[in-house]
Amino acid sequence: MNDRVAVLGLLNKRNGVARDISLKPGQATRVGDVIVRLRACEKTAPFESEQYTGAFAQVDVRGTDGNWSRVFSGWLFKERPALNVVPHPIYDVWVKSCAMTFPETGGETVDGAAPDGDAPKASSAPKSPATTATPVARPAEPSPSESDKSER
């Protein structure tokens, strides 16, 4: 998570000024009466069919009374901006990118053998009590239908 960097867009709808904010997870920045905190950023792995770029952000705004209040805390997605929006009349925040890396290959394949080549040890979990098979009841033979009775 420490190597990731997200770029968030911040728009002041009152004066039309937009700026890009680069943050690492855990960082925050203040721009005038708004504080934007980045808690996490994620990208879908390159082999996934649908690609998403998301950031968990928190937005605090100072009100006219001078007190700060949290107006948003949640995930924002670059590809789906309408999925979760910052509900504020003056400030808008959105995800522009999340820089992160993926490993070239998956983890090492582990076989069941112990490192020294011996067979794996048996589980130390308690064994379940033995159960006996319970016969399954068969459905009753169907009763003759009304048409069968009239034929007799």
C-alpha atoms as a PDB file:
ATOM      1  CA  MET A   1       0.000   0.000   0.000  1.00  0.00           C
ATOM      2  CA  ASN A   2       2.945   2.352   0.673  1.00  0.00           C
ATOM      3  CA  ASP A   3       4.016   2.328  -2.985  1.00  0.00           C
ATOM      4  CA  ARG A   4       0.611   3.385  -4.279  1.00  0.00           C
ATOM      5  CA  VAL A   5      -0.202   6.917  -5.344  1.00  0.00           C
ATOM      6  CA  ALA A   6      -3.649   8.182  -6.252  1.00  0.00           C
ATOM      7  CA  VAL A   7      -4.462  11.301  -8.202  1.00  0.00           C
ATOM      8  CA  LEU A   8      -7.806  12.800  -7.205  1.00  0.00           C
ATOM      9  CA  GLY A   9      -9.533  15.675  -8.875  1.00  0.00           C
ATOM     10  CA  LEU A  10     -10.974  18.461  -6.692  1.00  0.00           C
ATOM     11  CA  LEU A  11     -13.434  20.964  -8.129  1.00  0.00           C
ATOM     12  CA  ASN A  12     -14.719  24.082  -6.406  1.00  0.00           C
ATOM     13  CA  LYS A  13     -18.084  24.492  -8.145  1.00  0.00           C
ATOM     14  CA  ARG A  14     -18.474  28.019  -6.809  1.00  0.00           C
ATOM     15  CA  ASN A  15     -15.470  29.483  -8.633  1.00  0.00           C
ATOM     16  CA  GLY A  16     -14.853  26.725 -11.217  1.00  0.00           C
ATOM     17  CA  VAL A  17     -11.287  26.049 -10.069  1.00  0.00           C
ATOM     18  CA  ALA A  18     -10.188  22.423 -10.479  1.00  0.00           C
ATOM     19  CA  ARG A  19      -6.933  20.917  -9.295  1.00  0.00           C
ATOM     20  CA  ASP A  20      -5.248  17.551  -9.145  1.00  0.00           C
ATOM     21  CA  ILE A  21      -4.209  16.190  -5.770  1.00  0.00           C
ATOM     22  CA  SER A  22      -1.590  13.407  -5.528  1.00  0.00           C
ATOM     23  CA  LEU A  23      -1.777  11.423  -2.301  1.00  0.00           C
ATOM     24  CA  LYS A  24      -0.416   8.202  -0.860  1.00  0.00           C
ATOM     25  CA  PRO A  25      -2.707   6.119   1.370  1.00  0.00           C
ATOM     26  CA  GLY A  26      -2.809   7.718   4.801  1.00  0.00           C
ATOM     27  CA  GLN A  27      -2.052  11.228   3.537  1.00  0.00           C
ATOM     28  CA  ALA A  28      -4.349  14.238   3.558  1.00  0.00           C
ATOM     29  CA  THR A  29      -4.221  17.682   2.027  1.00  0.00           C
ATOM     30  CA  ARG A  30      -6.096  20.873   2.743  1.00  0.00           C
ATOM     31  CA  VAL A  31      -7.209  23.234   0.014  1.00  0.00           C
ATOM     32  CA  GLY A  32      -9.029  26.228   1.464  1.00  0.00           C
ATOM     33  CA  ASP A  33     -12.075  24.976   3.345  1.00  0.00           C
ATOM     34  CA  VAL A  34     -11.796  21.340   2.275  1.00  0.00           C
ATOM     35  CA  ILE A  35      -9.579  18.481   3.460  1.00  0.00           C
ATOM     36  CA  VAL A  36      -9.217  15.377   1.284  1.00  0.00           C
ATOM     37  CA  ARG A  37      -7.831  12.194   2.860  1.00  0.00           C
ATOM     38  CA  LEU A  38      -6.840   9.096   0.924  1.00  0.00           C
ATOM     39  CA  ARG A  39      -7.228   5.859   2.867  1.00  0.00           C
ATOM     40  CA  ALA A  40      -6.607   3.382   0.016  1.00  0.00           C
ATOM     41  CA  CYS A  41      -6.438   3.068  -3.748  1.00  0.00           C
ATOM     42  CA  GLU A  42      -6.911  -0.046  -5.853  1.00  0.00           C
ATOM     43  CA  LYS A  43      -6.853  -1.090  -9.482  1.00  0.00           C
ATOM     44  CA  THR A  44      -8.278  -4.234 -10.963  1.00  0.00           C
ATOM     45  CA  ALA A  45      -5.606  -6.745 -11.954  1.00  0.00           C
ATOM     46  CA  PRO A  46      -4.654  -6.525 -15.647  1.00  0.00           C
ATOM     47  CA  PHE A  47      -6.022 -10.016 -16.387  1.00  0.00           C
ATOM     48  CA  GLU A  48      -9.544  -9.168 -15.138  1.00  0.00           C
ATOM     49  CA  SER A  49     -12.192  -8.569 -17.795  1.00  0.00           C
ATOM     50  CA  GLU A  50     -13.561  -5.341 -16.299  1.00  0.00           C
ATOM     51  CA  GLN A  51     -11.043  -2.702 -15.277  1.00  0.00           C
ATOM     52  CA  TYR A  52     -11.774  -0.440 -12.316  1.00  0.00           C
ATOM     53  CA  THR A  53      -9.728   2.195 -10.542  1.00  0.00           C
ATOM     54  CA  GLY A  54     -10.954   3.098  -7.085  1.00  0.00           C
ATOM     55  CA  ALA A  55      -9.956   5.162  -4.093  1.00  0.00           C
ATOM     56  CA  PHE A  56     -11.304   5.192  -0.564  1.00  0.00           C
ATOM     57  CA  ALA A  57     -11.440   8.891   0.256  1.00  0.00           C
ATOM     58  CA  GLN A  58     -12.740  11.065   3.048  1.00  0.00           C
ATOM     59  CA  VAL A  59     -13.769  14.676   2.527  1.00  0.00           C
ATOM     60  CA  ASP A  60     -14.099  17.179   5.381  1.00  0.00           C
ATOM     61  CA  VAL A  61     -15.464  20.678   4.818  1.00  0.00           C
ATOM     62  CA  ARG A  62     -15.375  23.702   7.108  1.00  0.00           C
ATOM     63  CA  GLY A  63     -18.816  25.208   7.443  1.00  0.00           C
ATOM     64  CA  THR A  64     -19.789  28.870   7.824  1.00  0.00           C
ATOM     65  CA  ASP A  65     -19.756  28.356  11.611  1.00  0.00           C
ATOM     66  CA  GLY A  66     -16.042  27.410  11.437  1.00  0.00           C
ATOM     67  CA  ASN A  67     -16.603  23.774  12.403  1.00  0.00           C
ATOM     68  CA  TRP A  68     -15.319  20.897  10.282  1.00  0.00           C
ATOM     69  CA  SER A  69     -17.681  18.118   9.261  1.00  0.00           C
ATOM     70  CA  ARG A  70     -17.192  14.960   7.254  1.00  0.00           C
ATOM     71  CA  VAL A  71     -19.308  15.149   4.108  1.00  0.00           C
ATOM     72  CA  PHE A  72     -18.055  11.954   2.478  1.00  0.00           C
ATOM     73  CA  SER A  73     -16.324   8.713   3.414  1.00  0.00           C
ATOM     74  CA  GLY A  74     -16.300   5.884   0.888  1.00  0.00           C
ATOM     75  CA  TRP A  75     -15.072   4.438  -2.379  1.00  0.00           C
ATOM     76  CA  LEU A  76     -14.968   6.508  -5.554  1.00  0.00           C
ATOM     77  CA  PHE A  77     -14.504   4.820  -8.944  1.00  0.00           C
ATOM     78  CA  LYS A  78     -12.955   6.387 -12.027  1.00  0.00           C
ATOM     79  CA  GLU A  79     -14.924   4.250 -14.491  1.00  0.00           C
ATOM     80  CA  ARG A  80     -18.232   4.659 -12.627  1.00  0.00           C
ATOM     81  CA  PRO A  81     -18.349   8.200 -11.226  1.00  0.00           C
ATOM     82  CA  ALA A  82     -22.105   8.007 -10.622  1.00  0.00           C
ATOM     83  CA  LEU A  83     -21.738   4.880  -8.472  1.00  0.00           C
ATOM     84  CA  ASN A  84     -20.725   6.899  -5.426  1.00  0.00           C
ATOM     85  CA  VAL A  85     -20.562  10.694  -5.461  1.00  0.00           C
ATOM     86  CA  VAL A  86     -19.516  13.342  -2.962  1.00  0.00           C
ATOM     87  CA  PRO A  87     -22.815  14.954  -1.922  1.00  0.00           C
ATOM     88  CA  HIS A  88     -21.690  18.546  -1.446  1.00  0.00           C
ATOM     89  CA  PRO A  89     -23.035  21.688  -3.143  1.00  0.00           C
ATOM     90  CA  ILE A  90     -19.600  23.344  -3.508  1.00  0.00           C
ATOM     91  CA  TYR A  91     -16.921  20.632  -3.723  1.00  0.00           C
ATOM     92  CA  ASP A  92     -16.638  17.641  -6.005  1.00  0.00           C
ATOM     93  CA  VAL A  93     -13.941  14.959  -5.709  1.00  0.00           C
ATOM     94  CA  TRP A  94     -13.256  12.157  -8.185  1.00  0.00           C
ATOM     95  CA  VAL A  95     -10.583   9.561  -8.964  1.00  0.00           C
ATOM     96  CA  LYS A  96      -8.241  10.196 -11.865  1.00  0.00           C
ATOM     97  CA  SER A  97      -5.711   7.388 -11.335  1.00  0.00           C
ATOM     98  CA  CYS A  98      -4.136   4.958  -8.915  1.00  0.00           C
ATOM     99  CA  ALA A  99      -0.524   3.963  -9.527  1.00  0.00           C
ATOM    100  CA  MET A 100       0.266   0.493  -8.246  1.00  0.00           C
ATOM    101  CA  THR A 101       2.102  -2.582  -9.447  1.00  0.00           C
ATOM    102  CA  PHE A 102       1.116  -6.212  -9.788  1.00  0.00           C
ATOM    103  CA  PRO A 103       3.457  -9.210  -9.469  1.00  0.00           C
ATOM    104  CA  GLU A 104       4.580 -10.702 -12.775  1.00  0.00           C
ATOM    105  CA  THR A 105       3.627 -14.214 -11.657  1.00  0.00           C
ATOM    106  CA  GLY A 106       1.547 -15.798  -8.942  1.00  0.00           C
ATOM    107  CA  GLY A 107       2.903 -17.248  -5.742  1.00  0.00           C
ATOM    108  CA  GLU A 108       5.106 -20.306  -5.667  1.00  0.00           C
ATOM    109  CA  THR A 109       3.365 -23.641  -6.108  1.00  0.00           C
ATOM    110  CA  VAL A 110       3.506 -25.659  -2.931  1.00  0.00           C
ATOM    111  CA  ASP A 111       3.216 -29.419  -2.982  1.00  0.00           C
ATOM    112  CA  GLY A 112       1.966 -31.453  -0.046  1.00  0.00           C
ATOM    113  CA  ALA A 113       5.431 -32.665   1.003  1.00  0.00           C
ATOM    114  CA  ALA A 114       7.311 -31.196   3.912  1.00  0.00           C
ATOM    115  CA  PRO A 115      10.464 -29.183   3.092  1.00  0.00           C
ATOM    116  CA  ASP A 116      12.762 -32.127   3.923  1.00  0.00           C
ATOM    117  CA  GLY A 117      10.876 -34.441   1.544  1.00  0.00           C
ATOM    118  CA  ASP A 118       8.958 -36.336   4.249  1.00  0.00           C
ATOM    119  CA  ALA A 119       5.247 -36.878   3.982  1.00  0.00           C
ATOM    120  CA  PRO A 120       3.054 -34.138   5.455  1.00  0.00           C
ATOM    121  CA  LYS A 121       2.049 -34.561   9.079  1.00  0.00           C
ATOM    122  CA  ALA A 122      -1.463 -35.616   9.972  1.00  0.00           C
ATOM    123  CA  SER A 123      -3.874 -32.974  11.136  1.00  0.00           C
ATOM    124  CA  SER A 124      -4.068 -32.299  14.858  1.00  0.00           C
ATOM    125  CA  ALA A 125      -7.768 -31.461  14.583  1.00  0.00           C
ATOM    126  CA  PRO A 126     -10.093 -33.772  16.524  1.00  0.00           C
ATOM    127  CA  LYS A 127     -11.688 -36.462  14.432  1.00  0.00           C
ATOM    128  CA  SER A 128     -15.430 -36.415  13.817  1.00  0.00           C
ATOM    129  CA  PRO A 129     -17.389 -39.253  15.412  1.00  0.00           C
ATOM    130  CA  ALA A 130     -18.081 -42.092  13.029  1.00  0.00           C
ATOM    131  CA  THR A 131     -21.543 -42.067  11.577  1.00  0.00           C
ATOM    132  CA  THR A 132     -23.548 -44.978  10.339  1.00  0.00           C
ATOM    133  CA  ALA A 133     -25.429 -44.754   7.135  1.00  0.00           C
ATOM    134  CA  THR A 134     -29.126 -44.145   7.624  1.00  0.00           C
ATOM    135  CA  PRO A 135     -31.281 -45.801   5.002  1.00  0.00           C
ATOM    136  CA  VAL A 136     -33.129 -43.367   2.838  1.00  0.00           C
ATOM    137  CA  ALA A 137     -36.891 -43.828   2.884  1.00  0.00           C
ATOM    138  CA  ARG A 138     -38.343 -44.676  -0.492  1.00  0.00           C
ATOM    139  CA  PRO A 139     -41.400 -42.837  -1.682  1.00  0.00           C
ATOM    140  CA  ALA A 140     -44.599 -44.817  -1.429  1.00  0.00           C
ATOM    141  CA  GLU A 141     -45.893 -46.523  -4.531  1.00  0.00           C
ATOM    142  CA  PRO A 142     -48.306 -44.247  -6.337  1.00  0.00           C
ATOM    143  CA  SER A 143     -51.922 -45.087  -5.753  1.00  0.00           C
ATOM    144  CA  PRO A 144     -53.932 -46.097  -8.783  1.00  0.00           C
ATOM    145  CA  SER A 145     -55.532 -43.176 -10.492  1.00  0.00           C
ATOM    146  CA  GLU A 146     -59.246 -42.791 -10.904  1.00  0.00           C
ATOM    147  CA  SER A 147     -59.037 -43.946 -14.530  1.00  0.00           C
ATOM    148  CA  ASP A 148     -57.309 -47.164 -13.434  1.00  0.00           C
ATOM    149  CA  LYS A 149     -60.136 -47.880 -10.981  1.00  0.00           C
ATOM    150  CA  SER A 150     -62.820 -47.399 -13.644  1.00  0.00           C
ATOM    151  CA  GLU A 151     -61.103 -49.953 -15.917  1.00  0.00           C
ATOM    152  CA  ARG A 152     -61.535 -52.710 -13.322  1.00  0.00           C
END
